[in-house]
Amino acid sequence: MAHTDLAAVSEVRGALREFLRCRWQGEPAEVAELLLSELVTNALIHTRHGAVVTVSMATARLRVEVRDFMSGLPLSYVPNADDGTHGRGLLLVRSLADAWGVSAHALGKVVWFELDGERP
């Protein structure tokens, strides 16, 4: 799915919710939606060239990838109190995902996260 409109964030969340409906419930699904929203929003705001989302599941492990088409890796950013909600997306991913990373490609990059279905 490729989009450049921020309204697409809720559409992508809904698609993930439907994908997880019979697989995961409660907190793991909510965390997955939150992290997906953060990555898609970052891709759309910072690249302005759309994003492609890929979701896969193996056993009880979910992997979500958000690919954009701009070179350059995401910058590490530590927000301050005056930033409002700006700059917290990757901090949330880093804090809540069981694994995450960034893979550079010839055209763009993929930012991904993984979650285990069994959350403490």
C-alpha atoms as a PDB file:
ATOM      1  CA  MET A   1       0.000   0.000   0.000  1.00  0.00           C
ATOM      2  CA  ALA A   2       1.567   3.316  -1.019  1.00  0.00           C
ATOM      3  CA  HIS A   3       0.271   6.639   0.296  1.00  0.00           C
ATOM      4  CA  THR A   4       1.441  10.206   0.686  1.00  0.00           C
ATOM      5  CA  ASP A   5      -1.592  11.451   2.644  1.00  0.00           C
ATOM      6  CA  LEU A   6      -1.451  11.426   6.458  1.00  0.00           C
ATOM      7  CA  ALA A   7      -5.101  10.311   6.478  1.00  0.00           C
ATOM      8  CA  ALA A   8      -3.693   6.983   5.279  1.00  0.00           C
ATOM      9  CA  VAL A   9      -2.305   6.352   8.783  1.00  0.00           C
ATOM     10  CA  SER A  10      -5.750   5.420  10.123  1.00  0.00           C
ATOM     11  CA  GLU A  11      -6.390   3.254   7.044  1.00  0.00           C
ATOM     12  CA  VAL A  12      -3.142   1.352   7.602  1.00  0.00           C
ATOM     13  CA  ARG A  13      -3.947   0.952  11.320  1.00  0.00           C
ATOM     14  CA  GLY A  14      -7.340  -0.467  10.401  1.00  0.00           C
ATOM     15  CA  ALA A  15      -5.775  -2.935   7.977  1.00  0.00           C
ATOM     16  CA  LEU A  16      -3.361  -4.113  10.683  1.00  0.00           C
ATOM     17  CA  ARG A  17      -6.222  -4.369  13.199  1.00  0.00           C
ATOM     18  CA  GLU A  18      -8.145  -6.570  10.767  1.00  0.00           C
ATOM     19  CA  PHE A  19      -5.051  -8.709  10.078  1.00  0.00           C
ATOM     20  CA  LEU A  20      -4.538  -9.255  13.814  1.00  0.00           C
ATOM     21  CA  ARG A  21      -8.232  -9.616  14.748  1.00  0.00           C
ATOM     22  CA  CYS A  22      -8.214 -13.418  14.921  1.00  0.00           C
ATOM     23  CA  ARG A  23      -4.542 -13.723  15.795  1.00  0.00           C
ATOM     24  CA  TRP A  24      -3.862 -11.273  18.624  1.00  0.00           C
ATOM     25  CA  GLN A  25      -6.072  -9.334  20.996  1.00  0.00           C
ATOM     26  CA  GLY A  26      -5.577  -6.696  23.650  1.00  0.00           C
ATOM     27  CA  GLU A  27      -2.240  -5.119  24.449  1.00  0.00           C
ATOM     28  CA  PRO A  28      -0.046  -6.792  21.787  1.00  0.00           C
ATOM     29  CA  ALA A  29      -2.389  -5.660  19.016  1.00  0.00           C
ATOM     30  CA  GLU A  30      -2.636  -2.144  20.461  1.00  0.00           C
ATOM     31  CA  VAL A  31       1.158  -1.848  20.698  1.00  0.00           C
ATOM     32  CA  ALA A  32       1.491  -3.049  17.093  1.00  0.00           C
ATOM     33  CA  GLU A  33      -1.001  -0.417  15.901  1.00  0.00           C
ATOM     34  CA  LEU A  34       0.737   2.350  17.833  1.00  0.00           C
ATOM     35  CA  LEU A  35       4.186   1.480  16.492  1.00  0.00           C
ATOM     36  CA  LEU A  36       2.908   1.110  12.937  1.00  0.00           C
ATOM     37  CA  SER A  37       1.256   4.538  13.203  1.00  0.00           C
ATOM     38  CA  GLU A  38       4.503   6.100  14.368  1.00  0.00           C
ATOM     39  CA  LEU A  39       6.575   4.596  11.551  1.00  0.00           C
ATOM     40  CA  VAL A  40       4.075   5.410   8.811  1.00  0.00           C
ATOM     41  CA  THR A  41       3.660   8.968  10.083  1.00  0.00           C
ATOM     42  CA  ASN A  42       7.441   9.427  10.144  1.00  0.00           C
ATOM     43  CA  ALA A  43       7.773   8.095   6.610  1.00  0.00           C
ATOM     44  CA  LEU A  44       5.022  10.328   5.262  1.00  0.00           C
ATOM     45  CA  ILE A  45       6.155  13.491   7.052  1.00  0.00           C
ATOM     46  CA  HIS A  46       9.890  13.166   6.523  1.00  0.00           C
ATOM     47  CA  THR A  47       9.998  11.763   2.995  1.00  0.00           C
ATOM     48  CA  ARG A  48       6.827  13.122   1.328  1.00  0.00           C
ATOM     49  CA  HIS A  49       7.085  10.276  -1.181  1.00  0.00           C
ATOM     50  CA  GLY A  50       4.720   7.722   0.318  1.00  0.00           C
ATOM     51  CA  ALA A  51       5.433   4.476   2.094  1.00  0.00           C
ATOM     52  CA  VAL A  52       4.878   0.776   1.612  1.00  0.00           C
ATOM     53  CA  VAL A  53       3.859  -1.327   4.610  1.00  0.00           C
ATOM     54  CA  THR A  54       4.544  -5.053   4.856  1.00  0.00           C
ATOM     55  CA  VAL A  55       3.210  -7.161   7.721  1.00  0.00           C
ATOM     56  CA  SER A  56       4.158 -10.777   8.302  1.00  0.00           C
ATOM     57  CA  MET A  57       3.688 -13.246  11.097  1.00  0.00           C
ATOM     58  CA  ALA A  58       5.592 -16.392  12.019  1.00  0.00           C
ATOM     59  CA  THR A  59       4.300 -18.424  14.944  1.00  0.00           C
ATOM     60  CA  ALA A  60       3.655 -15.777  17.634  1.00  0.00           C
ATOM     61  CA  ARG A  61       6.037 -13.128  16.223  1.00  0.00           C
ATOM     62  CA  LEU A  62       4.807 -10.168  14.213  1.00  0.00           C
ATOM     63  CA  ARG A  63       7.100  -8.231  11.870  1.00  0.00           C
ATOM     64  CA  VAL A  64       6.091  -4.876  10.427  1.00  0.00           C
ATOM     65  CA  GLU A  65       8.171  -3.067   7.816  1.00  0.00           C
ATOM     66  CA  VAL A  66       7.648   0.472   6.566  1.00  0.00           C
ATOM     67  CA  ARG A  67       9.594   1.299   3.422  1.00  0.00           C
ATOM     68  CA  ASP A  68      10.103   4.800   2.118  1.00  0.00           C
ATOM     69  CA  PHE A  69      11.866   5.984  -1.010  1.00  0.00           C
ATOM     70  CA  MET A  70      14.264   8.625   0.294  1.00  0.00           C
ATOM     71  CA  SER A  71      17.895   7.972   1.055  1.00  0.00           C
ATOM     72  CA  GLY A  72      19.309   8.634   4.494  1.00  0.00           C
ATOM     73  CA  LEU A  73      18.729   6.844   7.740  1.00  0.00           C
ATOM     74  CA  PRO A  74      16.455   8.248  10.449  1.00  0.00           C
ATOM     75  CA  LEU A  75      18.273  10.517  12.851  1.00  0.00           C
ATOM     76  CA  SER A  76      18.385   9.722  16.528  1.00  0.00           C
ATOM     77  CA  TYR A  77      16.446  12.482  18.238  1.00  0.00           C
ATOM     78  CA  VAL A  78      15.889  13.192  21.909  1.00  0.00           C
ATOM     79  CA  PRO A  79      12.848  15.442  22.309  1.00  0.00           C
ATOM     80  CA  ASN A  80      12.711  18.123  24.971  1.00  0.00           C
ATOM     81  CA  ALA A  81       9.714  19.295  26.978  1.00  0.00           C
ATOM     82  CA  ASP A  82       8.934  22.067  24.471  1.00  0.00           C
ATOM     83  CA  ASP A  83       8.577  19.690  21.520  1.00  0.00           C
ATOM     84  CA  GLY A  84       5.030  18.589  22.357  1.00  0.00           C
ATOM     85  CA  THR A  85       4.592  15.174  20.761  1.00  0.00           C
ATOM     86  CA  HIS A  86       7.203  15.740  18.030  1.00  0.00           C
ATOM     87  CA  GLY A  87      10.147  13.355  17.896  1.00  0.00           C
ATOM     88  CA  ARG A  88       8.849  10.523  20.020  1.00  0.00           C
ATOM     89  CA  GLY A  89       8.076   7.933  17.318  1.00  0.00           C
ATOM     90  CA  LEU A  90      11.378   6.085  17.261  1.00  0.00           C
ATOM     91  CA  LEU A  91      11.651   6.361  21.049  1.00  0.00           C
ATOM     92  CA  LEU A  92       8.336   4.508  21.314  1.00  0.00           C
ATOM     93  CA  VAL A  93       9.504   1.886  18.832  1.00  0.00           C
ATOM     94  CA  ARG A  94      12.784   1.457  20.698  1.00  0.00           C
ATOM     95  CA  SER A  95      10.946   1.166  24.035  1.00  0.00           C
ATOM     96  CA  LEU A  96       8.039  -1.096  23.071  1.00  0.00           C
ATOM     97  CA  ALA A  97       9.297  -3.362  20.280  1.00  0.00           C
ATOM     98  CA  ASP A  98      10.984  -6.665  21.049  1.00  0.00           C
ATOM     99  CA  ALA A  99      13.345  -5.933  18.135  1.00  0.00           C
ATOM    100  CA  TRP A 100      13.647  -3.128  15.595  1.00  0.00           C
ATOM    101  CA  GLY A 101      16.036  -1.723  13.044  1.00  0.00           C
ATOM    102  CA  VAL A 102      16.673   0.116   9.805  1.00  0.00           C
ATOM    103  CA  SER A 103      17.852  -1.399   6.511  1.00  0.00           C
ATOM    104  CA  ALA A 104      19.197   0.857   3.758  1.00  0.00           C
ATOM    105  CA  HIS A 105      18.228   0.049   0.169  1.00  0.00           C
ATOM    106  CA  ALA A 106      19.398   1.403  -3.172  1.00  0.00           C
ATOM    107  CA  LEU A 107      16.247   3.517  -3.193  1.00  0.00           C
ATOM    108  CA  GLY A 108      15.137   4.410   0.320  1.00  0.00           C
ATOM    109  CA  LYS A 109      15.103   2.390   3.502  1.00  0.00           C
ATOM    110  CA  VAL A 110      13.004   0.024   5.576  1.00  0.00           C
ATOM    111  CA  VAL A 111      12.320   0.728   9.233  1.00  0.00           C
ATOM    112  CA  TRP A 112      10.985  -2.393  10.910  1.00  0.00           C
ATOM    113  CA  PHE A 113       9.900  -3.737  14.275  1.00  0.00           C
ATOM    114  CA  GLU A 114       9.028  -7.123  15.686  1.00  0.00           C
ATOM    115  CA  LEU A 115       6.713  -8.026  18.559  1.00  0.00           C
ATOM    116  CA  ASP A 116       6.233 -11.306  20.349  1.00  0.00           C
ATOM    117  CA  GLY A 117       2.622 -12.302  20.899  1.00  0.00           C
ATOM    118  CA  GLU A 118       3.266 -13.282  24.478  1.00  0.00           C
ATOM    119  CA  ARG A 119       3.682  -9.923  26.212  1.00  0.00           C
ATOM    120  CA  PRO A 120       4.474  -9.729  29.933  1.00  0.00           C
END
